[in-house]
C-alpha atoms as a PDB file:
ATOM      1  CA  MET A   1     -25.077 -10.670  -9.581  1.00  0.00           C
ATOM      2  CA  GLU A   2     -27.084  -8.365  -7.331  1.00  0.00           C
ATOM      3  CA  PHE A   3     -25.329  -5.256  -6.013  1.00  0.00           C
ATOM      4  CA  LEU A   4     -25.416  -6.337  -2.349  1.00  0.00           C
ATOM      5  CA  GLN A   5     -24.171  -9.823  -3.206  1.00  0.00           C
ATOM      6  CA  GLY A   6     -21.283  -8.299  -5.104  1.00  0.00           C
ATOM      7  CA  LEU A   7     -20.564  -5.914  -2.238  1.00  0.00           C
ATOM      8  CA  LEU A   8     -20.409  -8.754   0.292  1.00  0.00           C
ATOM      9  CA  LEU A   9     -18.140 -10.779  -1.979  1.00  0.00           C
ATOM     10  CA  ILE A  10     -15.805  -7.836  -2.559  1.00  0.00           C
ATOM     11  CA  THR A  11     -15.761  -7.075   1.173  1.00  0.00           C
ATOM     12  CA  SER A  12     -14.757 -10.590   2.198  1.00  0.00           C
ATOM     13  CA  ILE A  13     -12.066 -10.915  -0.472  1.00  0.00           C
ATOM     14  CA  HIS A  14     -10.608  -7.429  -0.113  1.00  0.00           C
ATOM     15  CA  ILE A  15     -10.347  -7.572   3.677  1.00  0.00           C
ATOM     16  CA  LEU A  16      -8.150 -10.648   3.289  1.00  0.00           C
ATOM     17  CA  ALA A  17      -6.132  -8.965   0.535  1.00  0.00           C
ATOM     18  CA  ALA A  18      -5.635  -5.759   2.538  1.00  0.00           C
ATOM     19  CA  ALA A  19      -4.563  -7.695   5.634  1.00  0.00           C
ATOM     20  CA  SER A  20      -1.985  -9.770   3.741  1.00  0.00           C
ATOM     21  CA  PRO A  21       1.585  -8.657   4.576  1.00  0.00           C
ATOM     22  CA  GLY A  22       3.233  -6.827   1.705  1.00  0.00           C
ATOM     23  CA  PRO A  23       4.894  -3.550   0.668  1.00  0.00           C
ATOM     24  CA  ASP A  24       1.963  -1.411   1.847  1.00  0.00           C
ATOM     25  CA  PHE A  25       2.074  -2.965   5.316  1.00  0.00           C
ATOM     26  CA  VAL A  26       5.840  -2.542   5.631  1.00  0.00           C
ATOM     27  CA  LEU A  27       5.641   1.071   4.442  1.00  0.00           C
ATOM     28  CA  VAL A  28       2.836   2.048   6.825  1.00  0.00           C
ATOM     29  CA  SER A  29       4.706   0.431   9.717  1.00  0.00           C
ATOM     30  CA  GLN A  30       7.900   2.288   8.839  1.00  0.00           C
ATOM     31  CA  GLN A  31       6.141   5.633   8.460  1.00  0.00           C
ATOM     32  CA  THR A  32       4.292   5.259  11.759  1.00  0.00           C
ATOM     33  CA  ILE A  33       7.296   4.135  13.792  1.00  0.00           C
ATOM     34  CA  SER A  34       9.714   6.665  12.291  1.00  0.00           C
ATOM     35  CA  ASN A  35       7.517   9.718  11.798  1.00  0.00           C
ATOM     36  CA  GLY A  36       4.521   9.273  14.065  1.00  0.00           C
ATOM     37  CA  LYS A  37       0.813   8.514  13.887  1.00  0.00           C
ATOM     38  CA  LYS A  38      -0.085  11.384  11.547  1.00  0.00           C
ATOM     39  CA  SER A  39       2.477  10.270   8.990  1.00  0.00           C
ATOM     40  CA  GLY A  40       1.159   6.705   9.178  1.00  0.00           C
ATOM     41  CA  LEU A  41      -2.421   7.868   8.635  1.00  0.00           C
ATOM     42  CA  MET A  42      -1.425  10.114   5.721  1.00  0.00           C
ATOM     43  CA  CYS A  43       0.466   7.198   4.186  1.00  0.00           C
ATOM     44  CA  SER A  44      -2.672   5.055   4.623  1.00  0.00           C
ATOM     45  CA  ILE A  45      -4.703   7.684   2.764  1.00  0.00           C
ATOM     46  CA  GLY A  46      -2.144   7.613  -0.044  1.00  0.00           C
ATOM     47  CA  ILE A  47      -2.387   3.820  -0.283  1.00  0.00           C
ATOM     48  CA  ALA A  48      -6.186   4.010  -0.451  1.00  0.00           C
ATOM     49  CA  LEU A  49      -5.955   6.678  -3.165  1.00  0.00           C
ATOM     50  CA  GLY A  50      -3.502   4.477  -5.063  1.00  0.00           C
ATOM     51  CA  LEU A  51      -6.274   1.905  -5.347  1.00  0.00           C
ATOM     52  CA  SER A  52      -8.273   4.393  -7.421  1.00  0.00           C
ATOM     53  CA  ILE A  53      -5.776   3.982 -10.273  1.00  0.00           C
ATOM     54  CA  HIS A  54      -6.346   0.223 -10.388  1.00  0.00           C
ATOM     55  CA  ILE A  55     -10.108   0.625 -10.038  1.00  0.00           C
ATOM     56  CA  ILE A  56     -10.325   3.143 -12.889  1.00  0.00           C
ATOM     57  CA  TYR A  57      -8.396   1.088 -15.422  1.00  0.00           C
ATOM     58  CA  SER A  58     -10.285  -2.034 -14.327  1.00  0.00           C
ATOM     59  CA  ALA A  59     -13.623  -0.276 -14.838  1.00  0.00           C
ATOM     60  CA  LEU A  60     -12.481   0.725 -18.322  1.00  0.00           C
ATOM     61  CA  GLY A  61     -11.668  -2.887 -19.129  1.00  0.00           C
ATOM     62  CA  LEU A  62      -7.916  -2.301 -19.258  1.00  0.00           C
ATOM     63  CA  ALA A  63      -6.985  -4.634 -16.395  1.00  0.00           C
ATOM     64  CA  THR A  64      -7.269  -7.731 -18.596  1.00  0.00           C
ATOM     65  CA  ILE A  65      -5.109  -6.115 -21.285  1.00  0.00           C
ATOM     66  CA  ILE A  66      -2.447  -5.135 -18.748  1.00  0.00           C
ATOM     67  CA  ALA A  67      -2.508  -8.529 -17.038  1.00  0.00           C
ATOM     68  CA  ASN A  68      -2.057 -10.308 -20.375  1.00  0.00           C
ATOM     69  CA  SER A  69       0.618  -7.965 -21.732  1.00  0.00           C
ATOM     70  CA  SER A  70       4.024  -9.264 -20.701  1.00  0.00           C
ATOM     71  CA  ASN A  71       5.768  -6.038 -21.754  1.00  0.00           C
ATOM     72  CA  THR A  72       3.385  -3.802 -19.802  1.00  0.00           C
ATOM     73  CA  LEU A  73       3.554  -5.989 -16.710  1.00  0.00           C
ATOM     74  CA  TRP A  74       7.343  -6.115 -16.954  1.00  0.00           C
ATOM     75  CA  ALA A  75       7.514  -2.314 -17.093  1.00  0.00           C
ATOM     76  CA  ILE A  76       5.246  -2.032 -14.045  1.00  0.00           C
ATOM     77  CA  LYS A  77       7.314  -4.668 -12.233  1.00  0.00           C
ATOM     78  CA  LEU A  78      10.514  -2.716 -12.896  1.00  0.00           C
ATOM     79  CA  LEU A  79       9.006   0.583 -11.768  1.00  0.00           C
ATOM     80  CA  GLY A  80       7.349  -0.904  -8.702  1.00  0.00           C
ATOM     81  CA  GLY A  81      10.360  -2.982  -7.701  1.00  0.00           C
ATOM     82  CA  ALA A  82      12.775  -0.097  -8.206  1.00  0.00           C
ATOM     83  CA  TYR A  83      10.603   2.198  -6.091  1.00  0.00           C
ATOM     84  CA  LEU A  84      10.464  -0.326  -3.242  1.00  0.00           C
ATOM     85  CA  ILE A  85      14.241  -0.747  -3.393  1.00  0.00           C
ATOM     86  CA  TYR A  86      14.641   3.047  -3.322  1.00  0.00           C
ATOM     87  CA  LEU A  87      12.482   3.255  -0.181  1.00  0.00           C
ATOM     88  CA  GLY A  88      14.426   0.384   1.340  1.00  0.00           C
ATOM     89  CA  VAL A  89      17.791   2.023   0.713  1.00  0.00           C
ATOM     90  CA  LYS A  90      16.537   5.170   2.439  1.00  0.00           C
ATOM     91  CA  GLY A  91      15.650   3.033   5.450  1.00  0.00           C
ATOM     92  CA  LEU A  92      19.053   1.331   5.490  1.00  0.00           C
ATOM     93  CA  ARG A  93      20.739   4.731   5.507  1.00  0.00           C
ATOM     94  CA  SER A  94      18.893   5.710   8.684  1.00  0.00           C
ATOM     95  CA  LYS A  95      21.243   6.919  11.417  1.00  0.00           C
ATOM     96  CA  PRO A  96      20.759   6.981  15.189  1.00  0.00           C
ATOM     97  CA  SER A  97      19.316  10.226  16.557  1.00  0.00           C
ATOM     98  CA  LEU A  98      21.372  11.948  19.223  1.00  0.00           C
ATOM     99  CA  ASP A  99      18.351  12.819  21.321  1.00  0.00           C
ATOM    100  CA  GLN A 100      14.565  12.793  21.492  1.00  0.00           C
ATOM    101  CA  ASP A 101      14.334  16.384  20.188  1.00  0.00           C
ATOM    102  CA  SER A 102      16.008  15.437  16.922  1.00  0.00           C
ATOM    103  CA  GLN A 103      13.523  12.580  16.472  1.00  0.00           C
ATOM    104  CA  THR A 104      10.650  14.979  17.060  1.00  0.00           C
ATOM    105  CA  LYS A 105      12.023  17.504  14.560  1.00  0.00           C
ATOM    106  CA  SER A 106      12.477  14.748  11.992  1.00  0.00           C
ATOM    107  CA  ALA A 107       8.849  13.702  12.399  1.00  0.00           C
ATOM    108  CA  ILE A 108       7.664  17.306  12.073  1.00  0.00           C
ATOM    109  CA  LYS A 109       9.677  17.844   8.875  1.00  0.00           C
ATOM    110  CA  TYR A 110       8.017  14.871   7.210  1.00  0.00           C
ATOM    111  CA  SER A 111       5.062  16.554   5.515  1.00  0.00           C
ATOM    112  CA  ALA A 112       1.577  15.131   5.071  1.00  0.00           C
ATOM    113  CA  LYS A 113       1.828  15.544   1.288  1.00  0.00           C
ATOM    114  CA  LYS A 114       5.029  13.526   1.178  1.00  0.00           C
ATOM    115  CA  SER A 115       3.520  10.745   3.291  1.00  0.00           C
ATOM    116  CA  ILE A 116       0.442  10.605   1.047  1.00  0.00           C
ATOM    117  CA  GLY A 117       2.624  10.605  -2.063  1.00  0.00           C
ATOM    118  CA  VAL A 118       4.840   7.778  -0.821  1.00  0.00           C
ATOM    119  CA  GLY A 119       1.787   5.651   0.012  1.00  0.00           C
ATOM    120  CA  PHE A 120       0.109   6.447  -3.300  1.00  0.00           C
ATOM    121  CA  LEU A 121       3.124   5.428  -5.381  1.00  0.00           C
ATOM    122  CA  CYS A 122       3.731   2.279  -3.347  1.00  0.00           C
ATOM    123  CA  ASN A 123       0.217   1.026  -4.102  1.00  0.00           C
ATOM    124  CA  ALA A 124      -0.187   2.407  -7.622  1.00  0.00           C
ATOM    125  CA  LEU A 125       3.048   0.738  -8.793  1.00  0.00           C
ATOM    126  CA  ASN A 126       2.120  -2.685  -7.427  1.00  0.00           C
ATOM    127  CA  PRO A 127       2.471  -5.081 -10.410  1.00  0.00           C
ATOM    128  CA  LYS A 128       0.253  -7.696  -8.760  1.00  0.00           C
ATOM    129  CA  ALA A 129      -2.736  -5.349  -8.742  1.00  0.00           C
ATOM    130  CA  PRO A 130      -3.883  -5.823 -12.383  1.00  0.00           C
ATOM    131  CA  ILE A 131      -4.043  -9.600 -11.928  1.00  0.00           C
ATOM    132  CA  TYR A 132      -5.841  -9.225  -8.601  1.00  0.00           C
ATOM    133  CA  PHE A 133      -8.437  -6.831 -10.000  1.00  0.00           C
ATOM    134  CA  VAL A 134      -9.034  -8.994 -13.081  1.00  0.00           C
ATOM    135  CA  SER A 135      -9.775 -11.935 -10.784  1.00  0.00           C
ATOM    136  CA  LEU A 136     -11.929  -9.896  -8.412  1.00  0.00           C
ATOM    137  CA  PHE A 137     -13.969  -7.928 -10.916  1.00  0.00           C
ATOM    138  CA  THR A 138     -14.534 -10.995 -13.098  1.00  0.00           C
ATOM    139  CA  LEU A 139     -16.583 -12.372 -10.221  1.00  0.00           C
ATOM    140  CA  VAL A 140     -18.845  -9.352  -9.782  1.00  0.00           C
ATOM    141  CA  LEU A 141     -18.891  -7.333 -13.008  1.00  0.00           C
ATOM    142  CA  SER A 142     -21.208  -7.954 -15.927  1.00  0.00           C
ATOM    143  CA  PRO A 143     -21.482  -6.068 -19.249  1.00  0.00           C
ATOM    144  CA  ASP A 144     -24.691  -4.343 -18.161  1.00  0.00           C
ATOM    145  CA  ILE A 145     -23.586  -3.308 -14.655  1.00  0.00           C
ATOM    146  CA  PRO A 146     -24.276   0.413 -13.998  1.00  0.00           C
ATOM    147  CA  MET A 147     -21.190   2.600 -13.776  1.00  0.00           C
ATOM    148  CA  HIS A 148     -22.282   3.978 -10.401  1.00  0.00           C
ATOM    149  CA  HIS A 149     -22.209   0.435  -8.999  1.00  0.00           C
ATOM    150  CA  ILE A 150     -18.579   0.108 -10.086  1.00  0.00           C
ATOM    151  CA  ALA A 151     -17.842   3.481  -8.481  1.00  0.00           C
ATOM    152  CA  LEU A 152     -19.462   2.377  -5.212  1.00  0.00           C
ATOM    153  CA  TYR A 153     -17.514  -0.884  -5.253  1.00  0.00           C
ATOM    154  CA  GLY A 154     -14.314   1.067  -5.789  1.00  0.00           C
ATOM    155  CA  LEU A 155     -14.994   3.572  -3.017  1.00  0.00           C
ATOM    156  CA  TRP A 156     -15.875   0.754  -0.649  1.00  0.00           C
ATOM    157  CA  MET A 157     -12.589  -1.031  -1.395  1.00  0.00           C
ATOM    158  CA  MET A 158     -10.683   2.186  -0.738  1.00  0.00           C
ATOM    159  CA  LEU A 159     -12.476   2.580   2.605  1.00  0.00           C
ATOM    160  CA  ILE A 160     -11.614  -1.010   3.553  1.00  0.00           C
ATOM    161  CA  GLN A 161      -7.980  -0.382   2.672  1.00  0.00           C
ATOM    162  CA  PHE A 162      -7.850   2.821   4.702  1.00  0.00           C
ATOM    163  CA  ALA A 163      -9.693   1.275   7.672  1.00  0.00           C
ATOM    164  CA  TRP A 164      -7.277  -1.656   7.842  1.00  0.00           C
ATOM    165  CA  PHE A 165      -4.143   0.456   7.746  1.00  0.00           C
ATOM    166  CA  SER A 166      -5.639   2.959  10.187  1.00  0.00           C
ATOM    167  CA  LEU A 167      -5.996   0.028  12.581  1.00  0.00           C
ATOM    168  CA  VAL A 168      -2.346  -0.907  11.985  1.00  0.00           C
ATOM    169  CA  VAL A 169      -1.307   2.703  12.646  1.00  0.00           C
ATOM    170  CA  SER A 170      -3.384   2.852  15.841  1.00  0.00           C
ATOM    171  CA  LEU A 171      -1.810  -0.347  17.165  1.00  0.00           C
ATOM    172  CA  LEU A 172       1.724   0.809  16.368  1.00  0.00           C
ATOM    173  CA  SER A 173       0.963   4.209  17.940  1.00  0.00           C
ATOM    174  CA  TYR A 174      -0.191   2.675  21.215  1.00  0.00           C
ATOM    175  CA  PRO A 175       2.229   4.140  23.814  1.00  0.00           C
ATOM    176  CA  LYS A 176       3.578   0.854  25.190  1.00  0.00           C
ATOM    177  CA  ILE A 177       4.128  -0.601  21.721  1.00  0.00           C
ATOM    178  CA  ASN A 178       5.452   2.624  20.211  1.00  0.00           C
ATOM    179  CA  ASN A 179       7.907   3.229  23.047  1.00  0.00           C
ATOM    180  CA  LYS A 180       9.433  -0.211  22.560  1.00  0.00           C
ATOM    181  CA  PHE A 181       9.977   0.506  18.874  1.00  0.00           C
ATOM    182  CA  LYS A 182      11.324   3.982  19.619  1.00  0.00           C
ATOM    183  CA  LYS A 183      13.979   2.499  21.900  1.00  0.00           C
ATOM    184  CA  MET A 184      15.296   0.526  18.922  1.00  0.00           C
ATOM    185  CA  GLY A 185      14.967   3.640  16.758  1.00  0.00           C
ATOM    186  CA  TYR A 186      17.039   3.558  13.582  1.00  0.00           C
ATOM    187  CA  MET A 187      17.484  -0.235  13.791  1.00  0.00           C
ATOM    188  CA  ILE A 188      13.772  -0.639  13.048  1.00  0.00           C
ATOM    189  CA  ASP A 189      14.205   1.641  10.032  1.00  0.00           C
ATOM    190  CA  ARG A 190      17.034  -0.553   8.808  1.00  0.00           C
ATOM    191  CA  VAL A 191      15.144  -3.807   9.346  1.00  0.00           C
ATOM    192  CA  LEU A 192      12.066  -2.482   7.538  1.00  0.00           C
ATOM    193  CA  GLY A 193      14.327  -1.000   4.861  1.00  0.00           C
ATOM    194  CA  GLY A 194      15.863  -4.420   4.310  1.00  0.00           C
ATOM    195  CA  ALA A 195      12.389  -5.947   4.097  1.00  0.00           C
ATOM    196  CA  MET A 196      11.390  -3.329   1.512  1.00  0.00           C
ATOM    197  CA  ILE A 197      14.463  -4.099  -0.604  1.00  0.00           C
ATOM    198  CA  ALA A 198      13.701  -7.824  -0.406  1.00  0.00           C
ATOM    199  CA  LEU A 199      10.116  -7.170  -1.524  1.00  0.00           C
ATOM    200  CA  GLY A 200      11.352  -4.972  -4.369  1.00  0.00           C
ATOM    201  CA  LEU A 201      13.741  -7.659  -5.598  1.00  0.00           C
ATOM    202  CA  LYS A 202      11.000 -10.269  -5.300  1.00  0.00           C
ATOM    203  CA  VAL A 203       8.666  -8.118  -7.389  1.00  0.00           C
ATOM    204  CA  ILE A 204      11.284  -7.815 -10.135  1.00  0.00           C
ATOM    205  CA  VAL A 205      12.408 -11.447 -10.300  1.00  0.00           C
ATOM    206  CA  THR A 206       9.066 -13.191  -9.713  1.00  0.00           C
ATOM    207  CA  ARG A 207       7.234 -14.315 -12.810  1.00  0.00           C
ATOM    208  CA  SER A 208       3.657 -13.065 -13.185  1.00  0.00           C
ATOM    209  CA  ASN A 209       1.450 -16.025 -13.909  1.00  0.00           C
END
């Protein structure tokens, strides 16, 4: 397959994958609503960087091994599910702020590094990723494909991921939308926390076929 053909195929498939609701979407929404636009963007960067892990092991031919190893997938499912549940519990423990100043201070305290790290782990520990990348790269990769083509494909997928979640952050940061969420404050944290726990449990109990 020609490079541009592969790029178009990857673009169309990965846009749909990035836009599908899942843990990354819930996390970015929670970070943006609770801690502000900067935190949401940093989290989006972390999610995009998390993709690099999946791209690297896929390029090395390890994705097929991981996808076909029940023990390895089970370990990833446990780690990923447990991490989502941990994030969800933190959301459920959210308490109402006494005033706007305390909300502002809370947002300031939440560092960029922490937001990037949370996003990175959320994506890197996704147990569905090996299966997804096996399916995707099987369509475009051949034994003689240059390594720099794989690198360009990977970087492009990371840019798509970041662009999509940046759009989500921008929409949630729009004053009219953001103010409505802010009025509900900690209740949004709890709802999204519950959703994260549900996703974590689903990851653990769902069979990987």
